[in-house]
């Protein structure tokens, strides 16, 4: 019987409108993406700042005995049923996260290979070696069937060490992982059961997965999957989607604003997951329901206005106006009229009365950005408006009462400005009622992957472009880049990458970085033999055509010397010809002697990356 043709995820999505309609183990091909090498390349280490990454997800390297101790404490404290439920649900979340990673990183991967990526990731993460015996799925028919062997289960090792051989299977979190991965990837509830287990005395664990209907009664399985905090998908205050519920609908789950949805991404949405970000969000939630003045501090580009807008949206004033003023962008001669308004005839050119920002924000929120740039005269008038809740237009004689919540922001140290006599002390204390500090992005590394995906979706939609995400080395570069311009610079890099990359291709380092200085301190990646090697070794210079296109597109072509271009051209020709000088010369329309002369000249100026080893004609 002729096997059905292989269909990529992109083609299946085009034909059916959903991902992964069918596949089986007979169509798995080792060389199809994502390969084991692809997945291994996605795991890298940043020992300098204490982080490990799996593509854009932060990981932890823990002693197996540490998790074994925690497991034993849970069982002894909560009882075996509740402990099993907690571990099963934790495994489910891990599997669902890995499914999201694979779905977004390899959107055009073959169906069978995308499924197999879960087994390989589980092994790469050190949990268990997975050997698939067979699997087959067809979402249109609502069917799934798979059988697997698990070897070297870390969960079995710890369970046996603590309790010995028993009569019950013990790979609870691993069953949860398999359930979470398959269920989240294909949008159908798939239940895995461990029929044989090393903790029961078997030589290896044997696991079978089926769609829920094929098992019949799955109440016992759901008892361990269901918990109150997992039943509903809510959107956190950070804008990051929480883990999906184990009980998924019949269509693939797509959190609000994720790839594949048509919902627009809000321009001022705040995104993050780091401890510093969550701390700021917690403070924001605490003060939002009050009328207190809030002062945001932090470097330029950290998102102070976005946080101010979020504060307004979750406050009781959300239905009223939010008015933003950049104090640094308004000339000193106009700042008073901008804030307080002007009456007709107050000065030359004042042909009509005009309300100021305080009046326009009446009942709502007034955001004063870069407040440290105000002159001492303007500071005094602002102080009176804040203290009394009333203003007077320029040229006016009438006092106007305003109900405004003032939110200010600054990227300078106002206390230092007070000591230097450039900022009024009384105004500082009036503004500093509830300060919230937003740390620079280099101190919020955990937020970088989320921001990358957020801006990728937004900029791709805005410019009408389609990309397949980021290459592993692009992710590594972004995670290690210091971002002197903070979130604003990250957004610009992503926008540049979206514009520079070819439609349907992944964004690479050369698409984003031009004159920016990448950090010399290397990340460490997993090498071909399982050893840690500097990740920058896997970052060759961009091809000549990419370098030229990037330079021309950014107006920096004049910074490339002819000698540098010639050396790069010769090197690429030699590499393409595998060191054969005669063949390389023919590629460039030169004789072998002309090529050899130019190569020697380039070598004297600066050693090319690779030297030719063949001189065949």
Protein backbone atom coordinates (compact mmCIF):
# COMPACT_ATOMS: atom_id res chain seq x y z
CA UNK A 1 0.00 0.00 0.00
CA UNK A 2 1.32 3.43 -0.91
CA UNK A 3 1.96 5.60 2.12
CA UNK A 4 0.25 9.00 2.20
CA UNK A 5 2.45 11.95 1.18
CA UNK A 6 4.30 13.88 3.84
CA UNK A 7 2.64 17.18 4.68
CA UNK A 8 4.33 20.07 6.47
CA UNK A 9 2.64 21.96 9.29
CA UNK A 10 2.34 25.04 7.10
CA UNK A 11 0.59 23.07 4.35
CA UNK A 12 -1.73 21.39 6.84
CA UNK A 13 -2.54 24.78 8.35
CA UNK A 14 -3.34 26.14 4.88
CA UNK A 15 -5.54 23.19 3.96
CA UNK A 16 -7.41 22.77 7.21
CA UNK A 17 -6.97 25.96 9.24
CA UNK A 18 -5.45 24.08 12.19
CA UNK A 19 -2.14 22.47 13.00
CA UNK A 20 -1.13 18.81 12.91
CA UNK A 21 -4.09 16.98 11.43
CA UNK A 22 -2.51 13.53 11.15
CA UNK A 23 0.77 11.67 11.39
CA UNK A 24 2.35 8.39 12.46
CA UNK A 25 5.68 6.86 13.46
CA UNK A 26 6.14 5.39 9.98
CA UNK A 27 6.61 8.88 8.58
CA UNK A 28 9.28 9.95 11.03
CA UNK A 29 12.55 10.82 9.27
CA UNK A 30 15.64 11.45 11.39
CA UNK A 31 16.93 14.28 9.22
CA UNK A 32 13.69 16.28 9.18
CA UNK A 33 13.48 19.35 11.44
CA UNK A 34 13.40 19.56 14.33
CA UNK A 35 16.30 17.11 14.53
CA UNK A 36 18.07 16.13 17.70
CA UNK A 37 20.80 18.55 16.68
CA UNK A 38 18.25 21.36 16.31
CA UNK A 39 16.91 20.72 19.78
CA UNK A 40 20.36 20.34 21.31
CA UNK A 41 21.47 23.60 19.72
CA UNK A 42 18.58 25.33 21.50
CA UNK A 43 20.03 24.51 24.94
CA UNK A 44 22.74 26.89 26.06
CA UNK A 45 24.30 28.19 29.23
CA UNK A 46 25.11 31.68 30.49
CA UNK A 47 27.28 30.99 33.55
CA UNK A 48 28.20 34.63 33.95
CA UNK A 49 24.68 35.63 34.98
CA UNK A 50 23.41 32.33 36.37
CA UNK A 51 20.94 31.34 33.67
CA UNK A 52 20.34 28.31 31.46
CA UNK A 53 18.10 28.61 28.42
CA UNK A 54 16.15 26.20 26.25
CA UNK A 55 15.60 28.45 23.25
CA UNK A 56 13.71 31.29 24.98
CA UNK A 57 12.67 29.42 28.13
CA UNK A 58 14.72 29.58 31.31
CA UNK A 59 15.74 26.21 32.71
CA UNK A 60 17.30 24.93 35.94
CA UNK A 61 20.01 22.35 36.47
CA UNK A 62 19.11 20.54 39.69
CA UNK A 63 20.39 17.48 41.48
CA UNK A 64 18.04 14.57 40.87
CA UNK A 65 18.34 13.77 44.58
CA UNK A 66 17.06 17.28 45.39
CA UNK A 67 13.86 16.64 43.45
CA UNK A 68 13.73 13.19 45.03
CA UNK A 69 13.86 14.76 48.47
CA UNK A 70 11.09 17.21 47.55
CA UNK A 71 9.06 14.32 46.16
CA UNK A 72 9.45 12.36 49.36
CA UNK A 73 8.49 15.39 51.47
CA UNK A 74 5.32 15.88 49.39
CA UNK A 75 4.31 12.24 49.75
CA UNK A 76 5.01 12.12 53.49
CA UNK A 77 3.35 15.46 54.17
CA UNK A 78 0.36 15.46 51.82
CA UNK A 79 -0.21 11.78 51.25
CA UNK A 80 0.40 9.84 48.07
CA UNK A 81 -2.76 10.92 46.20
CA UNK A 82 -2.29 14.67 46.67
CA UNK A 83 1.43 14.45 46.01
CA UNK A 84 0.78 12.49 42.83
CA UNK A 85 -1.70 15.13 41.68
CA UNK A 86 0.75 17.98 42.28
CA UNK A 87 3.58 16.23 40.43
CA UNK A 88 1.32 15.18 37.56
CA UNK A 89 0.10 18.73 37.07
CA UNK A 90 3.63 20.14 37.30
CA UNK A 91 4.71 17.67 34.61
CA UNK A 92 1.73 18.70 32.50
CA UNK A 93 2.78 22.36 32.60
CA UNK A 94 6.35 21.40 31.60
CA UNK A 95 5.08 19.38 28.64
CA UNK A 96 2.73 22.16 27.55
CA UNK A 97 5.57 24.70 27.64
CA UNK A 98 7.77 22.46 25.50
CA UNK A 99 4.93 21.99 23.03
CA UNK A 100 4.60 25.77 22.75
CA UNK A 101 8.35 26.05 22.17
CA UNK A 102 8.31 23.49 19.35
CA UNK A 103 5.16 24.90 17.77
CA UNK A 104 6.58 28.42 17.61
CA UNK A 105 10.20 27.52 16.82
CA UNK A 106 9.46 25.04 14.00
CA UNK A 107 6.07 26.06 12.58
CA UNK A 108 6.79 24.28 9.28
CA UNK A 109 8.24 21.10 10.76
CA UNK A 110 6.91 17.74 9.63
CA UNK A 111 4.04 16.46 11.78
CA UNK A 112 5.75 13.25 12.91
CA UNK A 113 8.98 15.07 13.71
CA UNK A 114 7.22 17.76 15.69
CA UNK A 115 5.59 15.04 17.75
CA UNK A 116 8.94 13.27 18.25
CA UNK A 117 10.49 16.53 19.46
CA UNK A 118 8.65 16.06 22.76
CA UNK A 119 10.31 12.71 23.39
CA UNK A 120 13.71 14.18 22.56
CA UNK A 121 13.22 17.25 24.71
CA UNK A 122 12.19 15.10 27.65
CA UNK A 123 15.43 13.16 27.23
CA UNK A 124 17.49 16.33 26.68
CA UNK A 125 16.15 17.71 29.95
CA UNK A 126 17.45 14.62 31.75
CA UNK A 127 14.11 13.14 32.78
CA UNK A 128 13.97 9.88 30.85
CA UNK A 129 15.06 8.17 27.63
CA UNK A 130 12.01 7.70 25.41
CA UNK A 131 11.85 5.00 22.74
CA UNK A 132 8.69 5.21 20.61
CA UNK A 133 7.35 1.80 19.60
CA UNK A 134 4.53 3.23 17.50
CA UNK A 135 2.21 6.21 17.34
CA UNK A 136 -0.55 7.41 15.05
CA UNK A 137 -2.93 10.35 15.26
CA UNK A 138 -5.73 11.86 13.20
CA UNK A 139 -7.35 14.95 14.64
CA UNK A 140 -10.15 15.03 12.08
CA UNK A 141 -11.25 11.62 13.37
CA UNK A 142 -10.36 12.53 16.94
CA UNK A 143 -8.01 9.56 17.40
CA UNK A 144 -4.58 9.11 18.93
CA UNK A 145 -2.69 5.94 19.82
CA UNK A 146 0.94 5.67 20.94
CA UNK A 147 3.14 3.21 22.80
CA UNK A 148 6.53 4.06 24.26
CA UNK A 149 9.31 2.61 26.41
CA UNK A 150 10.84 4.79 29.11
CA UNK A 151 14.35 3.96 30.27
CA UNK A 152 16.56 5.48 32.99
CA UNK A 153 13.62 7.33 34.54
CA UNK A 154 14.96 9.77 37.13
CA UNK A 155 11.61 9.66 38.89
CA UNK A 156 11.87 5.89 39.27
CA UNK A 157 15.42 6.19 40.60
CA UNK A 158 14.31 8.51 43.39
CA UNK A 159 11.11 6.63 44.19
CA UNK A 160 12.92 3.29 44.45
CA UNK A 161 15.65 4.86 46.59
CA UNK A 162 13.03 6.18 49.01
CA UNK A 163 10.43 3.40 49.05
CA UNK A 164 11.85 0.39 47.20
CA UNK A 165 9.96 -1.77 44.70
CA UNK A 166 6.21 -1.64 45.11
CA UNK A 167 2.98 -2.40 43.30
CA UNK A 168 2.19 1.03 41.81
CA UNK A 169 3.69 2.96 38.89
CA UNK A 170 5.62 6.02 40.03
CA UNK A 171 6.50 8.15 36.97
CA UNK A 172 3.80 10.69 37.77
CA UNK A 173 5.37 13.91 36.51
CA UNK A 174 6.56 12.16 33.34
CA UNK A 175 3.03 10.94 32.61
CA UNK A 176 1.90 14.53 33.16
CA UNK A 177 4.59 15.78 30.76
CA UNK A 178 3.52 13.40 27.98
CA UNK A 179 -0.14 14.32 28.51
CA UNK A 180 0.65 18.05 28.50
CA UNK A 181 2.86 17.90 25.42
CA UNK A 182 0.53 15.88 23.21
CA UNK A 183 -2.68 17.49 24.43
CA UNK A 184 -1.33 21.03 24.01
CA UNK A 185 0.27 20.33 20.65
CA UNK A 186 -2.74 18.70 18.99
CA UNK A 187 -5.64 20.28 20.83
CA UNK A 188 -7.24 16.96 21.79
CA UNK A 189 -7.33 15.54 25.31
CA UNK A 190 -4.88 12.63 25.25
CA UNK A 191 -4.40 10.49 28.36
CA UNK A 192 -1.19 8.58 29.05
CA UNK A 193 -1.06 5.59 31.38
CA UNK A 194 1.97 3.75 32.67
CA UNK A 195 1.21 0.04 32.39
CA UNK A 196 4.63 -1.23 33.44
CA UNK A 197 7.11 0.61 35.65
CA UNK A 198 10.56 0.05 37.11
CA UNK A 199 9.10 0.96 40.49
CA UNK A 200 6.95 -2.18 40.08
CA UNK A 201 9.97 -4.32 39.22
CA UNK A 202 9.86 -4.07 35.40
CA UNK A 203 13.06 -3.66 33.43
CA UNK A 204 11.72 -0.52 31.72
CA UNK A 205 8.55 1.52 31.86
CA UNK A 206 5.89 0.90 29.17
CA UNK A 207 3.51 3.76 28.50
CA UNK A 208 0.44 3.97 26.28
CA UNK A 209 -1.33 7.16 25.22
CA UNK A 210 -4.83 7.34 23.74
CA UNK A 211 -7.45 9.96 23.10
CA UNK A 212 -9.77 10.21 26.07
CA UNK A 213 -12.74 8.53 24.38
CA UNK A 214 -10.69 5.41 23.58
CA UNK A 215 -9.95 4.82 27.28
CA UNK A 216 -13.59 4.95 28.28
CA UNK A 217 -13.64 5.96 31.93
CA UNK A 218 -10.89 8.52 32.54
CA UNK A 219 -12.22 9.86 35.84
CA UNK A 220 -9.23 8.45 37.73
CA UNK A 221 -6.79 10.14 35.33
CA UNK A 222 -8.62 13.45 35.53
CA UNK A 223 -8.58 13.27 39.31
CA UNK A 224 -4.83 13.85 39.20
CA UNK A 225 -4.95 16.38 36.39
CA UNK A 226 -7.67 18.64 37.71
CA UNK A 227 -7.08 21.26 40.35
CA UNK A 228 -8.81 24.54 41.05
CA UNK A 229 -5.90 26.70 40.00
CA UNK A 230 -5.62 24.89 36.66
CA UNK A 231 -9.23 25.00 35.55
CA UNK A 232 -9.32 28.44 33.98
CA UNK A 233 -6.91 30.28 31.78
CA UNK A 234 -6.50 33.82 33.08
CA UNK A 235 -4.36 36.61 31.85
CA UNK A 236 -1.95 37.83 34.48
CA UNK A 237 -1.31 41.50 35.15
CA UNK A 238 2.02 41.13 33.35
CA UNK A 239 0.25 40.32 30.10
CA UNK A 240 1.86 36.90 29.96
CA UNK A 241 -0.51 33.98 29.53
CA UNK A 242 -0.59 31.52 32.40
CA UNK A 243 -0.12 27.80 31.83
CA UNK A 244 -3.01 26.19 29.93
CA UNK A 245 -5.55 24.02 31.66
CA UNK A 246 -5.08 20.28 31.33
CA UNK A 247 -8.64 19.99 30.04
CA UNK A 248 -8.28 21.59 26.63
CA UNK A 249 -10.98 22.31 24.05
CA UNK A 250 -11.17 20.35 20.82
CA UNK A 251 -9.14 22.98 18.98
CA UNK A 252 -5.53 23.92 19.69
CA UNK A 253 -5.28 26.39 22.54
CA UNK A 254 -3.98 29.80 21.55
CA UNK A 255 -3.53 32.34 24.35
CA UNK A 256 -4.75 35.85 23.65
CA UNK A 257 -2.35 37.68 21.38
CA UNK A 258 -0.33 34.57 20.46
CA UNK A 259 0.82 33.75 16.91
CA UNK A 260 -2.05 32.63 14.75
CA UNK A 261 -4.64 35.01 16.18
CA UNK A 262 -5.90 38.12 14.49
CA UNK A 263 -6.30 40.12 17.67
CA UNK A 264 -4.09 43.23 17.53
CA UNK A 265 -1.34 43.63 20.10
CA UNK A 266 -1.78 46.73 22.23
CA UNK A 267 0.95 49.29 21.63
CA UNK A 268 1.58 49.99 25.31
CA UNK A 269 1.12 46.47 26.67
CA UNK A 270 3.55 45.55 29.44
CA UNK A 271 5.20 42.16 29.09
CA UNK A 272 7.49 40.25 31.42
CA UNK A 273 7.97 37.41 33.87
CA UNK A 274 11.12 38.31 35.84
CA UNK A 275 11.12 38.84 39.58
CA UNK A 276 11.77 42.57 39.10
CA UNK A 277 8.91 42.86 36.63
CA UNK A 278 6.50 40.97 38.88
CA UNK A 279 7.52 43.14 41.83
CA UNK A 280 6.70 46.28 39.85
CA UNK A 281 3.35 44.78 38.77
CA UNK A 282 2.54 43.91 42.38
CA UNK A 283 3.25 47.48 43.48
CA UNK A 284 1.16 48.74 40.58
CA UNK A 285 -1.80 46.62 41.65
CA UNK A 286 -1.46 47.81 45.25
CA UNK A 287 -1.59 51.50 44.41
CA UNK A 288 -4.00 51.40 41.46
CA UNK A 289 -7.15 51.50 43.57
CA UNK A 290 -6.00 54.57 45.53
CA UNK A 291 -5.67 58.21 44.55
CA UNK A 292 -1.98 58.40 45.48
CA UNK A 293 0.54 60.16 43.25
CA UNK A 294 2.94 57.65 41.70
CA UNK A 295 6.53 58.34 40.64
CA UNK A 296 8.13 55.93 38.16
CA UNK A 297 11.92 55.95 38.11
CA UNK A 298 14.35 54.16 35.81
CA UNK A 299 16.57 54.56 32.79
CA UNK A 300 15.24 55.83 29.49
CA UNK A 301 13.41 53.14 27.55
CA UNK A 302 12.44 50.84 30.44
CA UNK A 303 8.70 51.29 29.83
CA UNK A 304 7.67 53.97 32.32
CA UNK A 305 4.86 55.29 30.12
CA UNK A 306 3.59 51.76 29.47
CA UNK A 307 3.40 51.16 33.22
CA UNK A 308 1.67 54.51 33.72
CA UNK A 309 -0.95 53.60 31.13
CA UNK A 310 -1.41 50.20 32.79
CA UNK A 311 -1.90 51.95 36.13
CA UNK A 312 -4.62 54.10 34.59
CA UNK A 313 -6.36 51.09 32.96
CA UNK A 314 -6.68 49.18 36.23
CA UNK A 315 -7.69 52.20 38.31
CA UNK A 316 -11.15 53.58 39.06
CA UNK A 317 -10.39 56.36 36.54
CA UNK A 318 -10.03 53.98 33.61
CA UNK A 319 -13.14 55.32 31.85
CA UNK A 320 -11.78 58.86 31.90
CA UNK A 321 -8.95 60.47 29.97
CA UNK A 322 -5.28 59.54 30.14
CA UNK A 323 -3.21 62.57 29.12
CA UNK A 324 0.56 62.27 28.64
CA UNK A 325 3.02 65.17 28.62
CA UNK A 326 6.71 64.85 27.78
CA UNK A 327 8.09 67.78 29.75
CA UNK A 328 11.46 67.56 27.98
CA UNK A 329 9.85 68.01 24.55
CA UNK A 330 8.07 71.31 25.34
CA UNK A 331 10.01 74.59 25.30
CA UNK A 332 10.19 76.36 28.63
CA UNK A 333 8.24 79.31 27.24
CA UNK A 334 5.30 77.06 26.38
CA UNK A 335 5.23 74.57 29.25
CA UNK A 336 2.94 76.70 31.45
CA UNK A 337 0.36 77.22 28.70
CA UNK A 338 0.52 73.50 27.82
CA UNK A 339 -0.15 72.45 31.41
CA UNK A 340 -2.63 75.10 32.54
CA UNK A 341 -4.17 76.46 29.32
CA UNK A 342 -4.45 79.98 27.98
CA UNK A 343 -7.17 82.61 27.64
CA UNK A 344 -7.79 84.46 24.41
CA UNK A 345 -5.62 87.55 24.10
CA UNK A 346 -3.24 86.52 26.87
CA UNK A 347 -0.30 87.07 24.52
CA UNK A 348 0.39 87.66 20.86
CA UNK A 349 -0.96 84.78 18.84
CA UNK A 350 -3.45 83.62 21.49
CA UNK A 351 -6.45 84.02 19.19
CA UNK A 352 -8.71 81.72 21.19
CA UNK A 353 -9.00 80.23 24.64
CA UNK A 354 -7.51 76.77 25.00
CA UNK A 355 -7.66 74.27 27.90
CA UNK A 356 -4.40 72.88 29.23
CA UNK A 357 -3.45 69.31 29.99
CA UNK A 358 -4.78 69.51 33.56
CA UNK A 359 -8.26 70.41 32.32
CA UNK A 360 -8.18 67.76 29.60
CA UNK A 361 -7.26 65.15 32.21
CA UNK A 362 -10.01 66.21 34.64
CA UNK A 363 -11.44 63.07 36.22
CA UNK A 364 -8.64 60.97 34.78
CA UNK A 365 -4.86 60.65 34.89
CA UNK A 366 -2.14 63.14 33.92
CA UNK A 367 1.22 61.56 33.13
CA UNK A 368 4.21 63.92 33.39
CA UNK A 369 7.20 62.25 31.75
CA UNK A 370 10.79 63.52 32.23
CA UNK A 371 9.60 65.75 35.04
CA UNK A 372 13.16 66.42 36.13
CA UNK A 373 13.63 68.73 33.12
CA UNK A 374 11.15 71.36 34.37
CA UNK A 375 12.56 74.74 35.38
CA UNK A 376 12.30 75.89 38.99
CA UNK A 377 9.59 78.41 37.99
CA UNK A 378 7.47 75.72 36.34
CA UNK A 379 8.08 73.42 39.31
CA UNK A 380 6.60 76.02 41.66
CA UNK A 381 3.44 76.42 39.60
CA UNK A 382 3.08 72.65 39.28
CA UNK A 383 3.42 72.26 43.05
CA UNK A 384 0.51 74.64 43.68
CA UNK A 385 -1.68 72.74 41.22
CA UNK A 386 -0.89 69.45 42.95
CA UNK A 387 -1.43 70.78 46.45
CA UNK A 388 -4.59 72.81 45.86
CA UNK A 389 -6.20 70.88 43.01
CA UNK A 390 -6.85 74.12 41.16
CA UNK A 391 -5.28 76.02 38.28
CA UNK A 392 -5.53 79.33 36.43
CA UNK A 393 -5.14 79.70 32.69
CA UNK A 394 -2.53 82.12 31.46
CA UNK A 395 -4.22 85.49 31.13
CA UNK A 396 -7.23 84.27 33.07
CA UNK A 397 -8.75 85.50 36.33
CA UNK A 398 -10.88 82.47 37.13
CA UNK A 399 -9.75 79.60 39.36
CA UNK A 400 -10.53 76.20 37.84
CA UNK A 401 -10.86 73.16 40.10
CA UNK A 402 -9.54 69.93 38.59
CA UNK A 403 -9.73 66.35 39.81
CA UNK A 404 -6.56 64.81 38.38
CA UNK A 405 -4.39 61.94 39.47
CA UNK A 406 -0.79 62.85 38.67
CA UNK A 407 1.66 60.14 37.66
CA UNK A 408 5.22 61.28 37.04
CA UNK A 409 8.33 59.67 35.61
CA UNK A 410 12.01 60.50 35.52
CA UNK A 411 15.25 58.93 34.34
CA UNK A 412 17.41 61.07 36.63
CA UNK A 413 18.01 60.82 40.38
CA UNK A 414 15.67 63.49 41.73
CA UNK A 415 17.26 63.34 45.18
CA UNK A 416 20.60 64.23 43.63
CA UNK A 417 18.87 67.01 41.69
CA UNK A 418 17.42 68.34 44.96
CA UNK A 419 20.87 68.35 46.56
CA UNK A 420 22.26 70.17 43.51
CA UNK A 421 19.54 72.82 43.79
CA UNK A 422 17.98 71.97 40.42
CA UNK A 423 14.75 70.45 41.75
CA UNK A 424 12.46 71.73 44.48
CA UNK A 425 12.53 69.61 47.60
CA UNK A 426 8.86 70.25 48.41
CA UNK A 427 7.81 69.18 44.91
CA UNK A 428 9.96 66.06 45.17
CA UNK A 429 8.19 64.95 48.34
CA UNK A 430 4.82 65.78 46.80
CA UNK A 431 5.58 63.51 43.85
CA UNK A 432 7.40 60.77 45.74
CA UNK A 433 4.28 59.48 47.55
CA UNK A 434 4.48 56.01 46.02
CA UNK A 435 7.69 55.45 44.03
CA UNK A 436 8.02 52.43 41.68
CA UNK A 437 11.46 51.71 40.27
CA UNK A 438 11.69 49.95 36.91
CA UNK A 439 15.11 48.26 36.55
CA UNK A 440 16.99 48.26 33.24
CA UNK A 441 16.49 45.38 30.85
CA UNK A 442 20.00 44.01 31.53
CA UNK A 443 18.74 43.24 35.05
CA UNK A 444 15.57 41.59 33.70
CA UNK A 445 17.04 38.92 31.41
CA UNK A 446 14.05 36.63 31.96
CA UNK A 447 11.86 39.22 30.22
CA UNK A 448 13.93 39.31 27.02
CA UNK A 449 12.40 36.19 25.36
CA UNK A 450 8.85 37.35 26.12
CA UNK A 451 9.55 40.82 24.78
CA UNK A 452 11.16 39.36 21.66
CA UNK A 453 8.05 37.33 20.87
CA UNK A 454 5.76 40.21 21.76
CA UNK A 455 7.48 42.68 19.45
CA UNK A 456 7.92 40.06 16.73
CA UNK A 457 4.14 39.56 16.55
CA UNK A 458 3.46 43.27 16.69
CA UNK A 459 6.03 44.40 14.13
CA UNK A 460 5.29 41.53 11.74
CA UNK A 461 1.61 42.50 11.76
CA UNK A 462 2.40 46.21 11.42
CA UNK A 463 4.73 45.76 8.44
CA UNK A 464 2.81 42.91 6.81
CA UNK A 465 5.74 40.49 7.08
CA UNK A 466 5.91 36.82 8.06
CA UNK A 467 8.88 35.21 9.79
CA UNK A 468 9.46 31.80 11.35
CA UNK A 469 10.87 33.26 14.56
CA UNK A 470 14.52 33.60 15.54
CA UNK A 471 17.55 31.42 14.90
CA UNK A 472 19.19 29.93 18.02
CA UNK A 473 22.22 32.19 17.66
CA UNK A 474 19.95 35.24 17.37
CA UNK A 475 18.27 34.24 20.63
CA UNK A 476 21.69 33.75 22.26
CA UNK A 477 22.87 37.15 21.06
CA UNK A 478 19.75 38.89 22.38
CA UNK A 479 19.94 37.16 25.74
CA UNK A 480 23.52 38.33 26.20
CA UNK A 481 23.26 41.83 24.71
CA UNK A 482 23.39 44.58 27.38
CA UNK A 483 20.62 46.73 25.80
CA UNK A 484 21.85 50.21 26.71
CA UNK A 485 18.61 51.53 25.17
CA UNK A 486 16.50 49.04 27.16
CA UNK A 487 13.10 47.95 25.83
CA UNK A 488 13.00 50.72 23.24
CA UNK A 489 16.24 49.41 21.72
CA UNK A 490 15.01 45.82 21.82
CA UNK A 491 11.88 46.86 19.94
CA UNK A 492 13.99 48.64 17.32
CA UNK A 493 16.21 45.58 16.85
CA UNK A 494 13.19 43.32 16.36
CA UNK A 495 11.59 45.76 13.92
CA UNK A 496 14.85 45.91 11.98
CA UNK A 497 15.01 42.11 11.93
CA UNK A 498 11.41 41.79 10.71
CA UNK A 499 12.16 44.18 7.84
CA UNK A 500 15.55 42.67 6.94
CA UNK A 501 14.70 38.96 7.05
CA UNK A 502 13.17 37.23 4.07
CA UNK A 503 9.48 36.36 4.32
CA UNK A 504 9.06 32.94 5.93
CA UNK A 505 12.68 32.83 7.13
CA UNK A 506 14.03 33.07 10.65
CA UNK A 507 15.55 36.31 11.94
CA UNK A 508 19.32 35.96 12.41
CA UNK A 509 21.96 38.10 14.11
CA UNK A 510 22.89 39.96 10.92
CA UNK A 511 19.27 41.03 10.40
CA UNK A 512 19.14 42.86 13.74
CA UNK A 513 22.60 44.08 14.66
CA UNK A 514 24.48 46.67 12.63
CA UNK A 515 26.84 48.89 14.61
CA UNK A 516 25.75 47.58 18.02
CA UNK A 517 28.60 45.99 19.97
CA UNK A 518 27.90 42.39 20.93
CA UNK A 519 29.34 41.28 24.25
CA UNK A 520 32.62 39.39 23.98
CA UNK A 521 31.70 37.17 26.94
CA UNK A 522 30.43 33.97 25.33
CA UNK A 523 27.41 31.90 26.09
CA UNK A 524 28.07 28.17 26.22
CA UNK A 525 26.15 25.78 23.98
CA UNK A 526 26.00 22.00 23.75
CA UNK A 527 28.50 20.79 21.14
CA UNK A 528 28.18 17.84 18.81
CA UNK A 529 29.67 15.44 21.35
CA UNK A 530 27.66 16.69 24.32
CA UNK A 531 30.37 19.06 25.54
CA UNK A 532 29.97 22.73 26.40
CA UNK A 533 31.57 25.04 23.85
CA UNK A 534 31.46 28.81 23.34
CA UNK A 535 28.27 29.62 21.47
CA UNK A 536 30.01 32.39 19.52
CA UNK A 537 32.04 29.71 17.74
CA UNK A 538 28.75 28.85 16.07
CA UNK A 539 28.27 32.42 14.88
CA UNK A 540 30.13 32.82 11.56
CA UNK A 541 30.04 36.22 9.89
CA UNK A 542 26.99 36.82 7.72
CA UNK A 543 27.31 36.02 4.00
CA UNK A 544 28.65 38.81 1.85
CA UNK A 545 25.28 39.47 0.22
CA UNK A 546 23.61 39.81 3.67
CA UNK A 547 26.35 42.11 4.88
CA UNK A 548 26.01 44.34 1.80
CA UNK A 549 22.20 44.40 1.92
CA UNK A 550 22.26 45.23 5.60
CA UNK A 551 24.81 48.01 5.13
CA UNK A 552 22.98 49.52 2.16
CA UNK A 553 19.63 49.30 3.95
CA UNK A 554 20.98 51.10 7.01
CA UNK A 555 22.96 53.71 5.07
CA UNK A 556 26.27 52.40 6.40
CA UNK A 557 27.74 51.02 3.18
CA UNK A 558 30.47 53.65 3.29
CA UNK A 559 31.85 52.06 6.44
CA UNK A 560 32.79 48.87 4.53
CA UNK A 561 36.26 49.03 2.97
CA UNK A 562 36.97 47.56 -0.47
CA UNK A 563 39.75 45.46 1.03
CA UNK A 564 37.30 43.98 3.53
CA UNK A 565 34.79 43.21 0.78
CA UNK A 566 37.44 41.66 -1.44
CA UNK A 567 38.74 39.48 1.40
CA UNK A 568 35.23 38.31 2.25
CA UNK A 569 34.46 37.59 -1.42
CA UNK A 570 37.64 35.55 -1.86
CA UNK A 571 37.01 33.65 1.37
CA UNK A 572 33.45 32.73 0.45
CA UNK A 573 34.49 31.60 -3.01
CA UNK A 574 37.27 29.43 -1.52
CA UNK A 575 34.94 27.95 1.06
CA UNK A 576 32.29 27.21 -1.59
CA UNK A 577 34.93 25.44 -3.69
CA UNK A 578 36.16 23.53 -0.61
CA UNK A 579 39.62 25.03 -0.91
CA UNK A 580 40.08 24.39 -4.64
CA UNK A 581 41.71 27.62 -5.86
CA UNK A 582 41.09 26.90 -9.53
CA UNK A 583 37.39 26.29 -8.94
CA UNK A 584 37.17 29.37 -6.71
CA UNK A 585 38.83 31.47 -9.41
CA UNK A 586 36.35 30.26 -12.02
CA UNK A 587 33.47 31.29 -9.72
CA UNK A 588 34.80 34.86 -9.75
CA UNK A 589 35.80 35.00 -13.42
CA UNK A 590 39.52 35.09 -12.58
CA UNK A 591 42.47 32.96 -13.57
CA UNK A 592 43.98 30.79 -10.88
CA UNK A 593 47.06 33.01 -10.79
CA UNK A 594 44.96 36.16 -10.35
CA UNK A 595 43.00 34.51 -7.54
CA UNK A 596 46.19 33.28 -5.81
CA UNK A 597 47.74 36.74 -6.00
CA UNK A 598 44.69 38.42 -4.51
CA UNK A 599 44.41 35.72 -1.85
CA UNK A 600 48.04 36.24 -0.83
CA UNK A 601 47.50 40.00 -0.71
CA UNK A 602 44.40 39.58 1.48
CA UNK A 603 46.30 37.18 3.72
CA UNK A 604 49.03 39.75 4.31
CA UNK A 605 46.41 42.35 5.18
CA UNK A 606 44.53 40.02 7.49
CA UNK A 607 44.27 36.24 7.69
CA UNK A 608 41.05 34.99 6.01
CA UNK A 609 38.85 32.75 8.15
CA UNK A 610 39.80 29.63 6.20
CA UNK A 611 42.87 28.85 4.13
CA UNK A 612 42.70 26.90 0.87
CA UNK A 613 44.21 23.46 1.07
CA UNK A 614 43.73 22.25 -2.50
CA UNK A 615 45.30 23.56 -5.67
CA UNK A 616 43.57 21.23 -8.15
CA UNK A 617 42.98 22.63 -11.59
